[in-house]
Amino acid sequence: MMNLDHSNAALFAALALAQAEVENATEGSVNPHFKSRYADLAEVLNTVRPVFSKHGIAIIQSTGFSDGLVSVTTALVHKEGGYVTSVASCTPAKMDAQGVGAATTYLRRYSLAAATGVAQEDDDGQSAAHNRPAPVAAPAKPSNALLDVLAATEDATSEDVLRNLYKATETLNEHEKNEARKAIVQKRQSISK
C-alpha cells in the first residue's frame, strides 16, 4: 500500500507531468524457464529515471531482510519536499544469498514499475519469490498413553513385550502411533543384536 502522508500538491503535479511522458519499459530480457521476455530492473530504471528527474522527482529504494522476508521500500521524493512511499515484500524462493538477491531485484523492479505507472512483462517473478509459507503450528504435547508406551518400550527386554506394545499403539492418533512404532522397531533391533 502506498503511504501518501507526506505528499504535497507540487509532488502530485510533477508526478502527473512525468507519467504523461514516461513510456513503458522495453521487454529486452528473456526468462528461459517461461520462454518469455520481460523488462529487467536496469530497463525500468533507464525508462523512468530521466523523465522523473526532469520533473524534480528522485527515486529512492531501500532493502531489508527480516524473519525470512525480503522487503523493498520505494520512495518518490519531490525537490520541494513532498514524498510518497510503498513497501513490497515476499519470501525468497531460496533462503541463500542468491535467492535473497533475486527476490530483492524482483521487488525493486516490480515496486518501481508500480509506483511510476510503467507496464512490464512479469514472468520471471516465479523464480524470485514464493508465497509466504504458512506458520508452522507448535507440536502438540504428547499424550500420557504415548509417554507410557515409550517408557515401556525403553524398559522392554523381550520380543513378546514389544509385540504387545505394538498392538497397544492402535489406540493412539496417527502421529503418535508412528512415533511409538518407530521406537518399538528400534528397540526390537537393539534386542535382536
Protein backbone atom coordinates (compact mmCIF):
# COMPACT_ATOMS: atom_id res chain seq x y z
CA MET A 1 0.00 0.00 0.00
CA MET A 2 1.29 3.46 -0.84
CA ASN A 3 1.79 5.91 2.02
CA LEU A 4 0.67 9.40 0.97
CA ASP A 5 1.07 11.08 4.40
CA HIS A 6 3.99 13.26 3.26
CA SER A 7 2.76 14.12 -0.22
CA ASN A 8 2.02 17.65 -1.43
CA ALA A 9 0.49 19.40 -4.42
CA ALA A 10 3.88 20.05 -6.05
CA LEU A 11 4.71 16.34 -5.94
CA PHE A 12 1.38 15.36 -7.48
CA ALA A 13 1.76 17.96 -10.24
CA ALA A 14 5.26 16.68 -11.04
CA LEU A 15 4.06 13.04 -10.98
CA ALA A 16 1.28 13.90 -13.43
CA LEU A 17 3.77 15.51 -15.82
CA ALA A 18 6.25 12.66 -15.51
CA GLN A 19 3.63 9.97 -16.06
CA ALA A 20 2.38 11.79 -19.16
CA GLU A 21 5.88 11.50 -20.67
CA VAL A 22 7.17 8.16 -19.44
CA GLU A 23 6.89 5.16 -21.75
CA ASN A 24 6.54 1.51 -20.89
CA ALA A 25 9.76 -0.40 -20.36
CA THR A 26 11.10 -2.45 -23.28
CA GLU A 27 10.97 -6.19 -22.74
CA GLY A 28 14.63 -6.84 -23.53
CA SER A 29 15.39 -9.70 -21.13
CA VAL A 30 14.45 -13.34 -21.56
CA ASN A 31 13.24 -15.74 -18.89
CA PRO A 32 14.38 -19.14 -20.20
CA HIS A 33 12.18 -21.05 -17.73
CA PHE A 34 8.96 -19.47 -19.01
CA LYS A 35 10.32 -18.70 -22.50
CA SER A 36 9.10 -15.14 -22.20
CA ARG A 37 10.50 -11.63 -22.41
CA TYR A 38 10.40 -9.00 -19.69
CA ALA A 39 11.85 -5.61 -18.79
CA ASP A 40 14.65 -6.06 -16.25
CA LEU A 41 15.41 -3.64 -13.40
CA ALA A 42 18.00 -1.71 -15.42
CA GLU A 43 15.50 -1.18 -18.23
CA VAL A 44 12.78 0.05 -15.85
CA LEU A 45 15.27 2.43 -14.18
CA ASN A 46 16.55 3.68 -17.55
CA THR A 47 12.95 4.28 -18.63
CA VAL A 48 11.73 6.22 -15.57
CA ARG A 49 14.77 7.98 -14.07
CA PRO A 50 15.38 10.59 -16.79
CA VAL A 51 11.71 11.56 -17.05
CA PHE A 52 11.08 11.70 -13.30
CA SER A 53 14.36 13.55 -12.69
CA LYS A 54 13.40 16.14 -15.32
CA HIS A 55 10.33 16.90 -13.22
CA GLY A 56 12.22 17.11 -9.92
CA ILE A 57 11.39 13.63 -8.63
CA ALA A 58 14.09 11.40 -7.19
CA ILE A 59 13.63 7.65 -6.87
CA ILE A 60 14.98 6.05 -3.71
CA GLN A 61 14.79 2.33 -2.93
CA SER A 62 15.96 0.69 0.27
CA THR A 63 16.03 -3.02 1.02
CA GLY A 64 15.62 -5.17 4.09
CA PHE A 65 15.58 -8.80 5.18
CA SER A 66 13.95 -9.97 8.40
CA ASP A 67 12.33 -13.22 9.56
CA GLY A 68 12.76 -14.81 6.12
CA LEU A 69 11.04 -11.92 4.36
CA VAL A 70 12.69 -9.67 1.76
CA SER A 71 11.32 -6.10 1.67
CA VAL A 72 11.88 -3.14 -0.62
CA THR A 73 10.71 0.39 0.22
CA THR A 74 10.31 2.65 -2.81
CA ALA A 75 10.09 6.43 -2.32
CA LEU A 76 9.29 9.06 -4.91
CA VAL A 77 10.71 12.29 -3.48
CA HIS A 78 10.00 15.75 -4.92
CA LYS A 79 12.59 18.53 -4.88
CA GLU A 80 10.17 20.68 -2.84
CA GLY A 81 10.00 18.11 -0.05
CA GLY A 82 6.91 16.02 -0.63
CA TYR A 83 7.27 12.27 -0.94
CA VAL A 84 5.30 9.04 -1.19
CA THR A 85 6.46 5.56 -0.19
CA SER A 86 5.38 1.99 -0.68
CA VAL A 87 6.70 -1.31 0.64
CA ALA A 88 6.73 -4.61 -1.25
CA SER A 89 7.69 -7.88 0.47
CA CYS A 90 8.00 -11.56 -0.33
CA THR A 91 9.60 -14.78 0.81
CA PRO A 92 12.52 -15.66 -1.48
CA ALA A 93 12.35 -18.89 -3.46
CA LYS A 94 15.68 -19.93 -1.92
CA MET A 95 16.97 -18.88 1.51
CA ASP A 96 20.51 -18.15 0.39
CA ALA A 97 22.31 -15.04 -0.87
CA GLN A 98 21.30 -15.75 -4.46
CA GLY A 99 17.64 -16.25 -3.55
CA VAL A 100 17.53 -13.10 -1.40
CA GLY A 101 19.28 -11.13 -4.17
CA ALA A 102 16.86 -12.38 -6.84
CA ALA A 103 13.84 -11.53 -4.68
CA THR A 104 15.30 -8.08 -3.91
CA THR A 105 15.88 -7.31 -7.60
CA TYR A 106 12.42 -8.58 -8.49
CA LEU A 107 10.78 -6.44 -5.77
CA ARG A 108 12.77 -3.35 -6.77
CA ARG A 109 11.65 -3.72 -10.40
CA TYR A 110 8.08 -4.62 -9.51
CA SER A 111 7.57 -1.80 -6.99
CA LEU A 112 9.32 0.81 -9.14
CA ALA A 113 7.15 -0.05 -12.13
CA ALA A 114 4.02 0.07 -9.98
CA ALA A 115 4.93 3.38 -8.33
CA THR A 116 5.74 5.07 -11.63
CA GLY A 117 2.91 3.61 -13.71
CA VAL A 118 5.18 1.68 -16.07
CA ALA A 119 3.92 -1.57 -17.59
CA GLN A 120 6.27 -4.53 -18.00
CA GLU A 121 6.12 -8.28 -18.50
CA ASP A 122 6.26 -10.13 -15.18
CA ASP A 123 7.02 -13.76 -15.98
CA ASP A 124 10.32 -14.01 -14.10
CA GLY A 125 8.70 -13.50 -10.69
CA GLN A 126 8.05 -17.21 -10.32
CA SER A 127 11.76 -17.85 -9.90
CA ALA A 128 12.34 -14.97 -7.47
CA ALA A 129 9.60 -15.31 -4.88
CA HIS A 130 7.20 -17.70 -3.25
CA ASN A 131 4.11 -17.04 -1.27
CA ARG A 132 4.93 -16.71 2.40
CA PRO A 133 4.83 -20.17 3.97
CA ALA A 134 2.04 -20.90 6.39
CA PRO A 135 3.15 -20.64 10.01
CA VAL A 136 4.18 -23.97 11.46
CA ALA A 137 2.00 -24.97 14.40
CA ALA A 138 3.76 -25.80 17.63
CA PRO A 139 3.95 -29.56 18.15
CA ALA A 140 1.20 -30.94 20.34
CA LYS A 141 2.12 -32.17 23.81
CA PRO A 142 2.45 -35.97 23.73
CA SER A 143 -0.43 -37.85 25.33
CA ASN A 144 0.05 -39.85 28.53
CA ALA A 145 -0.72 -43.01 26.54
CA LEU A 146 2.19 -42.28 24.16
CA LEU A 147 4.51 -41.50 27.06
CA ASP A 148 3.53 -44.80 28.73
CA VAL A 149 4.20 -46.81 25.55
CA LEU A 150 7.58 -45.10 25.04
CA ALA A 151 8.60 -45.76 28.68
CA ALA A 152 7.51 -49.40 28.47
CA THR A 153 9.37 -49.77 25.16
CA GLU A 154 12.55 -48.48 26.72
CA ASP A 155 12.23 -50.98 29.59
CA ALA A 156 11.27 -53.93 27.35
CA THR A 157 13.62 -56.90 27.26
CA SER A 158 11.74 -59.38 25.05
CA GLU A 159 10.06 -59.64 21.66
CA ASP A 160 6.76 -60.66 23.33
CA VAL A 161 6.58 -57.43 25.33
CA LEU A 162 7.35 -55.39 22.21
CA ARG A 163 4.64 -57.25 20.22
CA ASN A 164 2.05 -56.36 22.90
CA LEU A 165 3.22 -52.74 22.92
CA TYR A 166 2.91 -52.64 19.14
CA LYS A 167 -0.73 -53.78 19.44
CA ALA A 168 -1.33 -51.15 22.15
CA THR A 169 -0.38 -48.39 19.72
CA GLU A 170 -3.71 -48.90 17.88
CA THR A 171 -5.39 -46.59 20.42
CA LEU A 172 -3.05 -43.68 19.62
CA ASN A 173 -3.61 -40.99 16.99
CA GLU A 174 -1.76 -41.45 13.68
CA HIS A 175 1.20 -39.23 14.54
CA GLU A 176 1.72 -40.78 18.00
CA LYS A 177 1.19 -44.28 16.59
CA ASN A 178 4.01 -43.69 14.08
CA GLU A 179 6.29 -42.28 16.77
CA ALA A 180 5.64 -45.21 19.14
CA ARG A 181 6.06 -47.84 16.43
CA LYS A 182 9.34 -46.29 15.33
CA ALA A 183 10.62 -46.56 18.93
CA ILE A 184 9.40 -50.18 19.15
CA VAL A 185 11.17 -51.12 15.89
CA GLN A 186 14.41 -49.52 17.10
CA LYS A 187 14.15 -51.36 20.44
CA ARG A 188 13.44 -54.65 18.62
CA GLN A 189 16.60 -54.15 16.55
CA SER A 190 18.70 -53.49 19.67
CA ILE A 191 17.29 -56.60 21.45
CA SER A 192 17.95 -58.87 18.46
CA LYS A 193 21.64 -57.86 18.24
